[in-house]
Amino acid sequence: MNAESHNSVNAAPATAVPAATLPRAPEADTDGEHSSSRRARLLYALAAILTLIGLCDALYLTVQHIAGRGAECGYFASCDRVLTSSYATVSGVPIALFGALAYFTAFSLATLAAFDYARARMLLTLLVAVMFLFTLWLLFVQAFVLRAFCDYCLLSAATILLLTTTVAFARFSERRRT
C-alpha cells in the first residue's frame, strides 16, 4: 500500500451534515429572561431567610409552652391571655408547634425553589397560601374574640405577610420569564 492510498483510506469523506440534524446548544437568555430568573432565585432565597425568622419565633413559643413558662412579652401586656387561651392549642398541642413545622417545611421548599426545583415552587406557593389564611384567622381571633394581642403572634403575622409577598413576586417573575 502506498502513502497516497493510505491517506485516502484514513481520511474521512468530506460530506456536509445538514444543520437541522445537528444538536443545538441552548439559545442564550436575553437580558430580561436572565434577570427575571435571577430575581426569582433571589426572592426564593429571601423567602428562606424569612422562614427562619418565623421558625425561631414559633420554636421559642413552643419551648415556652412545653416548659410551662410564659413568654416574655414586650409591647402588649395581654400576650399571656393569647398564649394561654383555648385557641393556643389543638388537643393539647401548641399551635406554635404546627407553626414551627410549617416554617421548617417552607424553609426547605424555599431553598429547593431557589435552586430551580419547579415542584418545590408550586408546593411552597400552596403552603404559604395556607399559612397566610391561617394567620388571618388567628389575627381575627386576637382582635375580635380575645381582644388581646401577642407580640410573637404579630411577629409571625408580619413574617407571613412578607413571606407571602416575596413568594408572590417570585412567582410573578417566573411568569414573566415564560
C-alpha atoms as a PDB file:
ATOM      1  CA  MET A   1       0.000   0.000   0.000  1.00  0.00           C
ATOM      2  CA  ASN A   2       1.481   3.308  -0.952  1.00  0.00           C
ATOM      3  CA  ALA A   3       1.298   6.538   1.051  1.00  0.00           C
ATOM      4  CA  GLU A   4      -1.290   8.058  -1.273  1.00  0.00           C
ATOM      5  CA  SER A   5      -3.749   5.176  -0.891  1.00  0.00           C
ATOM      6  CA  HIS A   6      -3.145   5.036   2.877  1.00  0.00           C
ATOM      7  CA  ASN A   7      -4.141   8.712   3.267  1.00  0.00           C
ATOM      8  CA  SER A   8      -7.263   8.246   1.201  1.00  0.00           C
ATOM      9  CA  VAL A   9      -8.345   5.229   3.283  1.00  0.00           C
ATOM     10  CA  ASN A  10      -7.960   7.001   6.650  1.00  0.00           C
ATOM     11  CA  ALA A  11      -9.317  10.351   5.572  1.00  0.00           C
ATOM     12  CA  ALA A  12     -12.946  10.935   6.404  1.00  0.00           C
ATOM     13  CA  PRO A  13     -15.124  11.773   3.468  1.00  0.00           C
ATOM     14  CA  ALA A  14     -15.948  15.455   3.297  1.00  0.00           C
ATOM     15  CA  THR A  15     -19.749  15.245   3.370  1.00  0.00           C
ATOM     16  CA  ALA A  16     -21.794  18.078   4.755  1.00  0.00           C
ATOM     17  CA  VAL A  17     -24.292  17.283   7.503  1.00  0.00           C
ATOM     18  CA  PRO A  18     -27.434  19.397   7.307  1.00  0.00           C
ATOM     19  CA  ALA A  19     -27.577  21.906  10.157  1.00  0.00           C
ATOM     20  CA  ALA A  20     -31.071  20.783  11.136  1.00  0.00           C
ATOM     21  CA  THR A  21     -29.785  17.349  12.204  1.00  0.00           C
ATOM     22  CA  LEU A  22     -27.007  18.642  14.468  1.00  0.00           C
ATOM     23  CA  PRO A  23     -27.815  19.039  18.158  1.00  0.00           C
ATOM     24  CA  ARG A  24     -28.298  22.666  19.032  1.00  0.00           C
ATOM     25  CA  ALA A  25     -26.877  24.413  22.033  1.00  0.00           C
ATOM     26  CA  PRO A  26     -29.494  26.170  24.100  1.00  0.00           C
ATOM     27  CA  GLU A  27     -30.009  29.702  22.975  1.00  0.00           C
ATOM     28  CA  ALA A  28     -28.613  32.346  25.253  1.00  0.00           C
ATOM     29  CA  ASP A  29     -31.072  34.019  27.583  1.00  0.00           C
ATOM     30  CA  THR A  30     -31.980  37.528  26.726  1.00  0.00           C
ATOM     31  CA  ASP A  31     -31.155  40.051  29.409  1.00  0.00           C
ATOM     32  CA  GLY A  32     -34.778  40.206  30.570  1.00  0.00           C
ATOM     33  CA  GLU A  33     -35.140  36.442  30.936  1.00  0.00           C
ATOM     34  CA  HIS A  34     -31.836  36.100  32.738  1.00  0.00           C
ATOM     35  CA  SER A  35     -32.580  38.912  35.166  1.00  0.00           C
ATOM     36  CA  SER A  36     -36.100  37.619  35.931  1.00  0.00           C
ATOM     37  CA  SER A  37     -34.715  34.126  36.556  1.00  0.00           C
ATOM     38  CA  ARG A  38     -32.052  35.533  38.840  1.00  0.00           C
ATOM     39  CA  ARG A  39     -34.613  37.764  40.555  1.00  0.00           C
ATOM     40  CA  ALA A  40     -36.858  34.747  41.220  1.00  0.00           C
ATOM     41  CA  ARG A  41     -33.935  32.786  42.714  1.00  0.00           C
ATOM     42  CA  LEU A  42     -33.014  35.724  44.949  1.00  0.00           C
ATOM     43  CA  LEU A  43     -36.630  36.126  46.053  1.00  0.00           C
ATOM     44  CA  TYR A  44     -36.826  32.434  46.963  1.00  0.00           C
ATOM     45  CA  ALA A  45     -33.582  32.792  48.926  1.00  0.00           C
ATOM     46  CA  LEU A  46     -35.108  35.776  50.735  1.00  0.00           C
ATOM     47  CA  ALA A  47     -38.191  33.647  51.420  1.00  0.00           C
ATOM     48  CA  ALA A  48     -35.943  31.013  53.005  1.00  0.00           C
ATOM     49  CA  ILE A  49     -34.411  33.656  55.283  1.00  0.00           C
ATOM     50  CA  LEU A  50     -37.854  34.948  56.259  1.00  0.00           C
ATOM     51  CA  THR A  51     -38.956  31.443  57.187  1.00  0.00           C
ATOM     52  CA  LEU A  52     -36.009  31.185  59.584  1.00  0.00           C
ATOM     53  CA  ILE A  53     -37.314  34.251  61.444  1.00  0.00           C
ATOM     54  CA  GLY A  54     -40.727  32.624  61.731  1.00  0.00           C
ATOM     55  CA  LEU A  55     -39.174  29.307  62.720  1.00  0.00           C
ATOM     56  CA  CYS A  56     -37.245  30.905  65.591  1.00  0.00           C
ATOM     57  CA  ASP A  57     -40.389  32.707  66.760  1.00  0.00           C
ATOM     58  CA  ALA A  58     -42.509  29.552  66.642  1.00  0.00           C
ATOM     59  CA  LEU A  59     -39.838  27.408  68.313  1.00  0.00           C
ATOM     60  CA  TYR A  60     -39.478  29.910  71.148  1.00  0.00           C
ATOM     61  CA  LEU A  61     -43.227  29.864  71.798  1.00  0.00           C
ATOM     62  CA  THR A  62     -43.324  26.062  71.570  1.00  0.00           C
ATOM     63  CA  VAL A  63     -40.493  25.633  74.082  1.00  0.00           C
ATOM     64  CA  GLN A  64     -42.036  28.157  76.444  1.00  0.00           C
ATOM     65  CA  HIS A  65     -45.386  26.374  76.251  1.00  0.00           C
ATOM     66  CA  ILE A  66     -43.923  22.895  76.796  1.00  0.00           C
ATOM     67  CA  ALA A  67     -41.776  24.167  79.687  1.00  0.00           C
ATOM     68  CA  GLY A  68     -44.852  25.727  81.270  1.00  0.00           C
ATOM     69  CA  ARG A  69     -43.365  29.210  81.197  1.00  0.00           C
ATOM     70  CA  GLY A  70     -44.954  32.336  79.836  1.00  0.00           C
ATOM     71  CA  ALA A  71     -43.322  34.228  77.009  1.00  0.00           C
ATOM     72  CA  GLU A  72     -41.531  37.459  77.790  1.00  0.00           C
ATOM     73  CA  CYS A  73     -43.908  39.994  76.292  1.00  0.00           C
ATOM     74  CA  GLY A  74     -42.785  43.424  75.282  1.00  0.00           C
ATOM     75  CA  TYR A  75     -45.247  45.911  73.877  1.00  0.00           C
ATOM     76  CA  PHE A  76     -48.540  44.119  74.501  1.00  0.00           C
ATOM     77  CA  ALA A  77     -49.199  43.229  78.131  1.00  0.00           C
ATOM     78  CA  SER A  78     -52.023  40.913  77.054  1.00  0.00           C
ATOM     79  CA  CYS A  79     -49.623  38.443  75.472  1.00  0.00           C
ATOM     80  CA  ASP A  80     -50.249  35.806  78.141  1.00  0.00           C
ATOM     81  CA  ARG A  81     -54.007  35.981  77.568  1.00  0.00           C
ATOM     82  CA  VAL A  82     -53.440  34.987  73.960  1.00  0.00           C
ATOM     83  CA  LEU A  83     -50.863  32.284  74.645  1.00  0.00           C
ATOM     84  CA  THR A  84     -52.894  30.646  77.440  1.00  0.00           C
ATOM     85  CA  SER A  85     -56.258  30.823  75.675  1.00  0.00           C
ATOM     86  CA  SER A  86     -58.068  27.773  74.350  1.00  0.00           C
ATOM     87  CA  TYR A  87     -57.095  28.947  70.852  1.00  0.00           C
ATOM     88  CA  ALA A  88     -53.394  28.452  71.599  1.00  0.00           C
ATOM     89  CA  THR A  89     -53.595  24.642  71.477  1.00  0.00           C
ATOM     90  CA  VAL A  90     -55.235  21.891  69.471  1.00  0.00           C
ATOM     91  CA  SER A  91     -55.791  18.740  71.523  1.00  0.00           C
ATOM     92  CA  GLY A  92     -53.080  19.869  73.922  1.00  0.00           C
ATOM     93  CA  VAL A  93     -50.525  20.542  71.180  1.00  0.00           C
ATOM     94  CA  PRO A  94     -49.439  24.185  70.962  1.00  0.00           C
ATOM     95  CA  ILE A  95     -50.324  25.892  67.701  1.00  0.00           C
ATOM     96  CA  ALA A  96     -46.789  27.272  67.718  1.00  0.00           C
ATOM     97  CA  LEU A  97     -45.520  23.726  67.123  1.00  0.00           C
ATOM     98  CA  PHE A  98     -47.649  23.493  63.980  1.00  0.00           C
ATOM     99  CA  GLY A  99     -46.230  26.876  63.008  1.00  0.00           C
ATOM    100  CA  ALA A 100     -42.680  25.628  63.533  1.00  0.00           C
ATOM    101  CA  LEU A 101     -43.371  22.608  61.325  1.00  0.00           C
ATOM    102  CA  ALA A 102     -44.923  24.826  58.659  1.00  0.00           C
ATOM    103  CA  TYR A 103     -41.999  27.257  58.773  1.00  0.00           C
ATOM    104  CA  PHE A 104     -39.473  24.404  58.559  1.00  0.00           C
ATOM    105  CA  THR A 105     -41.306  22.929  55.574  1.00  0.00           C
ATOM    106  CA  ALA A 106     -41.490  26.367  53.952  1.00  0.00           C
ATOM    107  CA  PHE A 107     -37.751  26.831  54.561  1.00  0.00           C
ATOM    108  CA  SER A 108     -36.993  23.514  52.868  1.00  0.00           C
ATOM    109  CA  LEU A 109     -39.252  24.275  49.909  1.00  0.00           C
ATOM    110  CA  ALA A 110     -37.921  27.834  49.514  1.00  0.00           C
ATOM    111  CA  THR A 111     -34.355  26.514  49.493  1.00  0.00           C
ATOM    112  CA  LEU A 112     -35.229  23.962  46.815  1.00  0.00           C
ATOM    113  CA  ALA A 113     -37.138  26.614  44.868  1.00  0.00           C
ATOM    114  CA  ALA A 114     -34.061  28.856  44.913  1.00  0.00           C
ATOM    115  CA  PHE A 115     -32.253  26.019  43.121  1.00  0.00           C
ATOM    116  CA  ASP A 116     -34.916  25.871  40.383  1.00  0.00           C
ATOM    117  CA  TYR A 117     -36.986  22.911  41.557  1.00  0.00           C
ATOM    118  CA  ALA A 118     -40.341  23.628  39.914  1.00  0.00           C
ATOM    119  CA  ARG A 119     -42.371  21.289  42.122  1.00  0.00           C
ATOM    120  CA  ALA A 120     -40.930  22.929  45.248  1.00  0.00           C
ATOM    121  CA  ARG A 121     -42.030  26.314  43.919  1.00  0.00           C
ATOM    122  CA  MET A 122     -45.580  25.119  43.436  1.00  0.00           C
ATOM    123  CA  LEU A 123     -45.712  23.424  46.856  1.00  0.00           C
ATOM    124  CA  LEU A 124     -44.198  26.483  48.533  1.00  0.00           C
ATOM    125  CA  THR A 125     -46.847  28.693  46.966  1.00  0.00           C
ATOM    126  CA  LEU A 126     -49.612  26.410  48.247  1.00  0.00           C
ATOM    127  CA  LEU A 127     -48.116  26.133  51.737  1.00  0.00           C
ATOM    128  CA  VAL A 128     -47.605  29.884  52.059  1.00  0.00           C
ATOM    129  CA  ALA A 129     -51.196  30.492  50.939  1.00  0.00           C
ATOM    130  CA  VAL A 130     -52.466  28.149  53.671  1.00  0.00           C
ATOM    131  CA  MET A 131     -50.178  29.779  56.238  1.00  0.00           C
ATOM    132  CA  PHE A 132     -51.429  33.211  55.199  1.00  0.00           C
ATOM    133  CA  LEU A 133     -55.091  32.214  55.521  1.00  0.00           C
ATOM    134  CA  PHE A 134     -54.476  30.612  58.925  1.00  0.00           C
ATOM    135  CA  THR A 135     -52.652  33.759  60.045  1.00  0.00           C
ATOM    136  CA  LEU A 136     -55.648  35.877  59.039  1.00  0.00           C
ATOM    137  CA  TRP A 137     -57.879  33.627  61.143  1.00  0.00           C
ATOM    138  CA  LEU A 138     -55.535  33.914  64.139  1.00  0.00           C
ATOM    139  CA  LEU A 139     -55.436  37.701  63.791  1.00  0.00           C
ATOM    140  CA  PHE A 140     -59.232  37.732  63.720  1.00  0.00           C
ATOM    141  CA  VAL A 141     -59.312  35.669  66.931  1.00  0.00           C
ATOM    142  CA  GLN A 142     -56.874  38.019  68.647  1.00  0.00           C
ATOM    143  CA  ALA A 143     -58.674  41.183  67.564  1.00  0.00           C
ATOM    144  CA  PHE A 144     -62.342  40.220  67.875  1.00  0.00           C
ATOM    145  CA  VAL A 145     -62.597  37.170  70.139  1.00  0.00           C
ATOM    146  CA  LEU A 146     -59.815  37.559  72.687  1.00  0.00           C
ATOM    147  CA  ARG A 147     -59.417  41.323  72.274  1.00  0.00           C
ATOM    148  CA  ALA A 148     -55.775  40.840  73.123  1.00  0.00           C
ATOM    149  CA  PHE A 149     -52.579  40.696  71.105  1.00  0.00           C
ATOM    150  CA  CYS A 150     -49.332  38.790  71.405  1.00  0.00           C
ATOM    151  CA  ASP A 151     -46.021  40.301  70.280  1.00  0.00           C
ATOM    152  CA  TYR A 152     -44.766  36.961  68.991  1.00  0.00           C
ATOM    153  CA  CYS A 153     -48.006  36.254  67.158  1.00  0.00           C
ATOM    154  CA  LEU A 154     -47.798  39.640  65.467  1.00  0.00           C
ATOM    155  CA  LEU A 155     -44.161  38.982  64.544  1.00  0.00           C
ATOM    156  CA  SER A 156     -45.256  35.730  62.950  1.00  0.00           C
ATOM    157  CA  ALA A 157     -48.100  37.514  61.142  1.00  0.00           C
ATOM    158  CA  ALA A 158     -45.691  40.140  59.786  1.00  0.00           C
ATOM    159  CA  THR A 159     -43.299  37.385  58.720  1.00  0.00           C
ATOM    160  CA  ILE A 160     -46.094  35.555  56.917  1.00  0.00           C
ATOM    161  CA  LEU A 161     -47.186  38.751  55.181  1.00  0.00           C
ATOM    162  CA  LEU A 162     -43.625  39.383  53.975  1.00  0.00           C
ATOM    163  CA  LEU A 163     -43.236  35.735  53.002  1.00  0.00           C
ATOM    164  CA  THR A 164     -46.478  35.771  51.031  1.00  0.00           C
ATOM    165  CA  THR A 165     -45.467  38.958  49.231  1.00  0.00           C
ATOM    166  CA  THR A 166     -41.993  37.604  48.464  1.00  0.00           C
ATOM    167  CA  VAL A 167     -43.288  34.308  47.066  1.00  0.00           C
ATOM    168  CA  ALA A 168     -45.940  36.140  45.019  1.00  0.00           C
ATOM    169  CA  PHE A 169     -43.269  38.400  43.492  1.00  0.00           C
ATOM    170  CA  ALA A 170     -41.073  35.373  42.776  1.00  0.00           C
ATOM    171  CA  ARG A 171     -43.959  33.602  41.040  1.00  0.00           C
ATOM    172  CA  PHE A 172     -44.716  36.772  39.069  1.00  0.00           C
ATOM    173  CA  SER A 173     -41.052  36.948  37.981  1.00  0.00           C
ATOM    174  CA  GLU A 174     -41.274  33.359  36.747  1.00  0.00           C
ATOM    175  CA  ARG A 175     -44.470  34.034  34.800  1.00  0.00           C
ATOM    176  CA  ARG A 176     -42.862  36.995  33.034  1.00  0.00           C
ATOM    177  CA  ARG A 177     -39.983  34.733  32.007  1.00  0.00           C
ATOM    178  CA  THR A 178     -42.162  32.143  30.279  1.00  0.00           C
END
